[in-house]
Amino acid sequence: ALSPLAEAAAKFTALISGAGAHYEESTAFMGMDMKAEYWMKGEKIKKHDKMLDEFILFDGEWFYQWPAGEKAGTRMTPDSPQAASAILMIKNSSLSALASAPYQQQEDAKEGKFDCRVFYMDIEFMGMKGNWLYVDKETGALVKNQYGQGKDGMSVTLTMLDTGGVGDDAFLPP
């Protein structure tokens, strides 16, 4: 049987494989607030890094990177080192990469508008003690990934999630 965390990861993977998802995240770290917007469907990935104001796109065949507002950028094969690491990083920021780690289930909690299962792992990362995962019960989306506590901690928080289906036009290069 799958662990509750692996079950949630499988639910989100099924969502991405089917209708896809469009979501936004905010990362709070060392007084900075970094925002990113994602579109994912099947193997296709698009990310708008709002701090760098650039897009990256993997359309299933090619990897693209370009500044927002521009019509030109870089195109490379997905197995090039830069493309492969960017694709892997986005895929690994989802729950499936964390599902095999020894997280312990905690008491359920509400995070924003999401009803979440909470998981904790006793770990130290860059001096921050403890890692909490808040996972949406309905979709399996990772709503919050929190390292440490308070102003010395780091959190990645889902600020918007649209599971109404992502069109293929979201993955067209500029």
C-alpha atoms as a PDB file:
ATOM      1  CA  ALA A   1       0.000   0.000   0.000  1.00  0.00           C
ATOM      2  CA  LEU A   2       1.147   3.541  -0.736  1.00  0.00           C
ATOM      3  CA  SER A   3       1.972   5.897   2.112  1.00  0.00           C
ATOM      4  CA  PRO A   4      -0.459   8.829   2.467  1.00  0.00           C
ATOM      5  CA  LEU A   5       2.255  11.108   1.037  1.00  0.00           C
ATOM      6  CA  ALA A   6       2.857   8.826  -1.973  1.00  0.00           C
ATOM      7  CA  GLU A   7      -0.921   8.607  -2.470  1.00  0.00           C
ATOM      8  CA  ALA A   8      -1.170  12.418  -2.605  1.00  0.00           C
ATOM      9  CA  ALA A   9       1.773  12.592  -5.033  1.00  0.00           C
ATOM     10  CA  ALA A  10       0.083  10.043  -7.312  1.00  0.00           C
ATOM     11  CA  LYS A  11      -3.120  12.115  -7.242  1.00  0.00           C
ATOM     12  CA  PHE A  12      -1.269  15.275  -8.382  1.00  0.00           C
ATOM     13  CA  THR A  13       0.694  13.328 -11.030  1.00  0.00           C
ATOM     14  CA  ALA A  14      -2.617  11.996 -12.408  1.00  0.00           C
ATOM     15  CA  LEU A  15      -3.980  15.556 -12.517  1.00  0.00           C
ATOM     16  CA  ILE A  16      -0.924  16.808 -14.461  1.00  0.00           C
ATOM     17  CA  SER A  17      -1.082  13.784 -16.796  1.00  0.00           C
ATOM     18  CA  GLY A  18      -4.756  14.467 -17.523  1.00  0.00           C
ATOM     19  CA  ALA A  19      -6.252  17.974 -17.594  1.00  0.00           C
ATOM     20  CA  GLY A  20      -3.049  19.619 -16.386  1.00  0.00           C
ATOM     21  CA  ALA A  21      -2.660  22.382 -13.832  1.00  0.00           C
ATOM     22  CA  HIS A  22      -1.887  26.093 -13.789  1.00  0.00           C
ATOM     23  CA  TYR A  23      -0.576  27.408 -10.495  1.00  0.00           C
ATOM     24  CA  GLU A  24       1.416  30.151  -8.794  1.00  0.00           C
ATOM     25  CA  GLU A  25       3.897  29.884  -5.945  1.00  0.00           C
ATOM     26  CA  SER A  26       5.495  32.416  -3.660  1.00  0.00           C
ATOM     27  CA  THR A  27       8.847  31.647  -1.994  1.00  0.00           C
ATOM     28  CA  ALA A  28       9.693  33.594   1.158  1.00  0.00           C
ATOM     29  CA  PHE A  29      13.369  33.404   2.100  1.00  0.00           C
ATOM     30  CA  MET A  30      15.740  35.838   3.827  1.00  0.00           C
ATOM     31  CA  GLY A  31      13.316  38.740   3.474  1.00  0.00           C
ATOM     32  CA  MET A  32      12.782  38.131  -0.243  1.00  0.00           C
ATOM     33  CA  ASP A  33       9.481  37.163  -1.817  1.00  0.00           C
ATOM     34  CA  MET A  34       9.974  35.371  -5.137  1.00  0.00           C
ATOM     35  CA  LYS A  35       6.994  34.500  -7.300  1.00  0.00           C
ATOM     36  CA  ALA A  36       6.655  32.002 -10.131  1.00  0.00           C
ATOM     37  CA  GLU A  37       3.775  30.838 -12.298  1.00  0.00           C
ATOM     38  CA  TYR A  38       3.584  27.341 -13.798  1.00  0.00           C
ATOM     39  CA  TRP A  39       1.605  25.493 -16.459  1.00  0.00           C
ATOM     40  CA  MET A  40       2.002  21.710 -16.524  1.00  0.00           C
ATOM     41  CA  LYS A  41       0.322  19.062 -18.647  1.00  0.00           C
ATOM     42  CA  GLY A  42       1.733  15.625 -19.396  1.00  0.00           C
ATOM     43  CA  GLU A  43       5.445  16.121 -20.125  1.00  0.00           C
ATOM     44  CA  LYS A  44       4.970  19.800 -21.006  1.00  0.00           C
ATOM     45  CA  ILE A  45       6.148  22.517 -18.614  1.00  0.00           C
ATOM     46  CA  LYS A  46       6.067  26.298 -18.740  1.00  0.00           C
ATOM     47  CA  LYS A  47       7.362  28.557 -15.969  1.00  0.00           C
ATOM     48  CA  HIS A  48       7.305  32.323 -15.635  1.00  0.00           C
ATOM     49  CA  ASP A  49       9.929  33.364 -13.095  1.00  0.00           C
ATOM     50  CA  LYS A  50       8.572  36.761 -12.033  1.00  0.00           C
ATOM     51  CA  MET A  51      11.742  37.841 -10.210  1.00  0.00           C
ATOM     52  CA  LEU A  52      13.966  37.282 -13.274  1.00  0.00           C
ATOM     53  CA  ASP A  53      10.975  38.099 -15.531  1.00  0.00           C
ATOM     54  CA  GLU A  54      11.767  35.246 -17.873  1.00  0.00           C
ATOM     55  CA  PHE A  55      10.024  32.190 -19.227  1.00  0.00           C
ATOM     56  CA  ILE A  56      11.204  28.640 -19.645  1.00  0.00           C
ATOM     57  CA  LEU A  57       9.229  26.142 -21.678  1.00  0.00           C
ATOM     58  CA  PHE A  58       9.511  22.457 -22.461  1.00  0.00           C
ATOM     59  CA  ASP A  59       6.975  21.621 -25.170  1.00  0.00           C
ATOM     60  CA  GLY A  60       7.724  17.887 -25.134  1.00  0.00           C
ATOM     61  CA  GLU A  61      10.311  18.252 -27.892  1.00  0.00           C
ATOM     62  CA  TRP A  62      12.394  21.402 -27.325  1.00  0.00           C
ATOM     63  CA  PHE A  63      13.433  23.493 -24.313  1.00  0.00           C
ATOM     64  CA  TYR A  64      13.127  27.282 -24.663  1.00  0.00           C
ATOM     65  CA  GLN A  65      14.222  30.184 -22.471  1.00  0.00           C
ATOM     66  CA  TRP A  66      13.397  33.850 -23.155  1.00  0.00           C
ATOM     67  CA  PRO A  67      12.935  37.195 -21.385  1.00  0.00           C
ATOM     68  CA  ALA A  68       9.274  38.139 -20.798  1.00  0.00           C
ATOM     69  CA  GLY A  69       8.000  40.541 -23.446  1.00  0.00           C
ATOM     70  CA  GLU A  70      10.544  39.330 -26.005  1.00  0.00           C
ATOM     71  CA  LYS A  71       9.859  37.208 -29.082  1.00  0.00           C
ATOM     72  CA  ALA A  72      13.335  35.662 -29.191  1.00  0.00           C
ATOM     73  CA  GLY A  73      15.352  33.528 -26.837  1.00  0.00           C
ATOM     74  CA  THR A  74      17.297  30.301 -26.676  1.00  0.00           C
ATOM     75  CA  ARG A  75      16.158  26.914 -27.967  1.00  0.00           C
ATOM     76  CA  MET A  76      17.979  23.761 -26.933  1.00  0.00           C
ATOM     77  CA  THR A  77      17.478  20.021 -26.810  1.00  0.00           C
ATOM     78  CA  PRO A  78      15.947  18.807 -23.540  1.00  0.00           C
ATOM     79  CA  ASP A  79      19.010  16.650 -22.839  1.00  0.00           C
ATOM     80  CA  SER A  80      21.394  19.628 -22.839  1.00  0.00           C
ATOM     81  CA  PRO A  81      22.720  20.140 -19.282  1.00  0.00           C
ATOM     82  CA  GLN A  82      20.950  23.488 -18.710  1.00  0.00           C
ATOM     83  CA  ALA A  83      17.595  22.247 -20.039  1.00  0.00           C
ATOM     84  CA  ALA A  84      17.770  18.861 -18.308  1.00  0.00           C
ATOM     85  CA  SER A  85      18.532  20.419 -14.910  1.00  0.00           C
ATOM     86  CA  ALA A  86      15.746  23.043 -15.263  1.00  0.00           C
ATOM     87  CA  ILE A  87      13.175  20.390 -16.250  1.00  0.00           C
ATOM     88  CA  LEU A  88      14.283  18.104 -13.412  1.00  0.00           C
ATOM     89  CA  MET A  89      14.173  20.942 -10.883  1.00  0.00           C
ATOM     90  CA  ILE A  90      10.569  21.817 -11.761  1.00  0.00           C
ATOM     91  CA  LYS A  91       9.458  18.189 -11.765  1.00  0.00           C
ATOM     92  CA  ASN A  92      11.265  17.554  -8.450  1.00  0.00           C
ATOM     93  CA  SER A  93       9.643  20.544  -6.780  1.00  0.00           C
ATOM     94  CA  SER A  94       6.408  18.577  -6.905  1.00  0.00           C
ATOM     95  CA  LEU A  95       5.464  16.068  -4.274  1.00  0.00           C
ATOM     96  CA  SER A  96       6.527  12.918  -6.136  1.00  0.00           C
ATOM     97  CA  ALA A  97      10.208  13.694  -5.481  1.00  0.00           C
ATOM     98  CA  LEU A  98       9.515  13.877  -1.723  1.00  0.00           C
ATOM     99  CA  ALA A  99       7.131  10.913  -1.434  1.00  0.00           C
ATOM    100  CA  SER A 100       9.790   8.347  -0.537  1.00  0.00           C
ATOM    101  CA  ALA A 101      11.369  10.448   2.247  1.00  0.00           C
ATOM    102  CA  PRO A 102      10.572   9.450   5.859  1.00  0.00           C
ATOM    103  CA  TYR A 103       7.911  12.092   6.591  1.00  0.00           C
ATOM    104  CA  GLN A 104       5.566  11.509   9.536  1.00  0.00           C
ATOM    105  CA  GLN A 105       1.904  12.388   9.167  1.00  0.00           C
ATOM    106  CA  GLN A 106       0.754  15.152  11.540  1.00  0.00           C
ATOM    107  CA  GLU A 107      -2.675  16.553  12.383  1.00  0.00           C
ATOM    108  CA  ASP A 108      -4.584  17.912   9.348  1.00  0.00           C
ATOM    109  CA  ALA A 109      -4.628  21.697   8.996  1.00  0.00           C
ATOM    110  CA  LYS A 110      -6.113  24.450   6.872  1.00  0.00           C
ATOM    111  CA  GLU A 111      -3.576  26.411   4.790  1.00  0.00           C
ATOM    112  CA  GLY A 112      -5.199  29.349   3.021  1.00  0.00           C
ATOM    113  CA  LYS A 113      -8.293  28.011   1.282  1.00  0.00           C
ATOM    114  CA  PHE A 114      -6.904  24.464   1.172  1.00  0.00           C
ATOM    115  CA  ASP A 115      -7.829  21.573   3.469  1.00  0.00           C
ATOM    116  CA  CYS A 116      -4.470  19.851   3.971  1.00  0.00           C
ATOM    117  CA  ARG A 117      -2.792  16.750   5.240  1.00  0.00           C
ATOM    118  CA  VAL A 118       0.391  17.757   7.062  1.00  0.00           C
ATOM    119  CA  PHE A 119       3.671  15.817   7.035  1.00  0.00           C
ATOM    120  CA  TYR A 120       6.837  16.508   9.035  1.00  0.00           C
ATOM    121  CA  MET A 121      10.422  15.364   8.749  1.00  0.00           C
ATOM    122  CA  ASP A 122      13.087  16.074  11.367  1.00  0.00           C
ATOM    123  CA  ILE A 123      15.836  17.420   9.110  1.00  0.00           C
ATOM    124  CA  GLU A 124      18.235  20.329   9.047  1.00  0.00           C
ATOM    125  CA  PHE A 125      18.602  22.252   5.793  1.00  0.00           C
ATOM    126  CA  MET A 126      20.892  25.317   5.566  1.00  0.00           C
ATOM    127  CA  GLY A 127      20.610  25.764   9.344  1.00  0.00           C
ATOM    128  CA  MET A 128      16.797  25.542   9.299  1.00  0.00           C
ATOM    129  CA  LYS A 129      15.411  22.797  11.541  1.00  0.00           C
ATOM    130  CA  GLY A 130      12.390  20.760  10.452  1.00  0.00           C
ATOM    131  CA  ASN A 131      10.451  20.432   7.182  1.00  0.00           C
ATOM    132  CA  TRP A 132       6.649  20.568   7.014  1.00  0.00           C
ATOM    133  CA  LEU A 133       4.612  19.712   3.927  1.00  0.00           C
ATOM    134  CA  TYR A 134       0.992  20.847   3.589  1.00  0.00           C
ATOM    135  CA  VAL A 135      -0.751  18.812   0.898  1.00  0.00           C
ATOM    136  CA  ASP A 136      -4.208  19.555  -0.538  1.00  0.00           C
ATOM    137  CA  LYS A 137      -6.468  16.581   0.236  1.00  0.00           C
ATOM    138  CA  GLU A 138      -8.490  17.046  -2.960  1.00  0.00           C
ATOM    139  CA  THR A 139      -5.784  17.439  -5.623  1.00  0.00           C
ATOM    140  CA  GLY A 140      -2.568  16.222  -3.977  1.00  0.00           C
ATOM    141  CA  ALA A 141      -0.960  19.612  -4.728  1.00  0.00           C
ATOM    142  CA  LEU A 142       1.885  20.716  -2.482  1.00  0.00           C
ATOM    143  CA  VAL A 143       0.306  23.799  -0.876  1.00  0.00           C
ATOM    144  CA  LYS A 144       3.202  24.712   1.403  1.00  0.00           C
ATOM    145  CA  ASN A 145       6.738  23.434   1.869  1.00  0.00           C
ATOM    146  CA  GLN A 146       8.159  25.001   5.038  1.00  0.00           C
ATOM    147  CA  TYR A 147      11.741  24.685   6.272  1.00  0.00           C
ATOM    148  CA  GLY A 148      12.440  25.978   9.776  1.00  0.00           C
ATOM    149  CA  GLN A 149      10.284  28.464  11.649  1.00  0.00           C
ATOM    150  CA  GLY A 150       9.778  32.216  11.663  1.00  0.00           C
ATOM    151  CA  LYS A 151      11.894  34.814   9.886  1.00  0.00           C
ATOM    152  CA  ASP A 152      14.885  32.463   9.647  1.00  0.00           C
ATOM    153  CA  GLY A 153      12.813  29.839   7.838  1.00  0.00           C
ATOM    154  CA  MET A 154      11.930  29.386   4.199  1.00  0.00           C
ATOM    155  CA  SER A 155       8.549  28.580   2.729  1.00  0.00           C
ATOM    156  CA  VAL A 156       7.206  27.892  -0.727  1.00  0.00           C
ATOM    157  CA  THR A 157       3.459  28.539  -0.755  1.00  0.00           C
ATOM    158  CA  LEU A 158       0.872  27.844  -3.438  1.00  0.00           C
ATOM    159  CA  THR A 159      -1.034  31.102  -3.976  1.00  0.00           C
ATOM    160  CA  MET A 160      -3.264  29.995  -6.863  1.00  0.00           C
ATOM    161  CA  LEU A 161      -4.295  26.620  -8.310  1.00  0.00           C
ATOM    162  CA  ASP A 162      -6.447  26.137 -11.406  1.00  0.00           C
ATOM    163  CA  THR A 163      -7.197  22.536 -12.318  1.00  0.00           C
ATOM    164  CA  GLY A 164      -9.798  23.359 -14.962  1.00  0.00           C
ATOM    165  CA  GLY A 165      -7.628  22.074 -17.764  1.00  0.00           C
ATOM    166  CA  VAL A 166      -4.630  23.593 -19.510  1.00  0.00           C
ATOM    167  CA  GLY A 167      -4.841  24.126 -23.262  1.00  0.00           C
ATOM    168  CA  ASP A 168      -2.011  23.154 -25.602  1.00  0.00           C
ATOM    169  CA  ASP A 169      -1.720  26.836 -26.608  1.00  0.00           C
ATOM    170  CA  ALA A 170      -0.113  27.487 -23.198  1.00  0.00           C
ATOM    171  CA  PHE A 171       2.963  25.618 -24.453  1.00  0.00           C
ATOM    172  CA  LEU A 172       3.661  27.534 -27.676  1.00  0.00           C
ATOM    173  CA  PRO A 173       7.085  29.228 -27.908  1.00  0.00           C
ATOM    174  CA  PRO A 174       7.113  33.019 -28.436  1.00  0.00           C
END
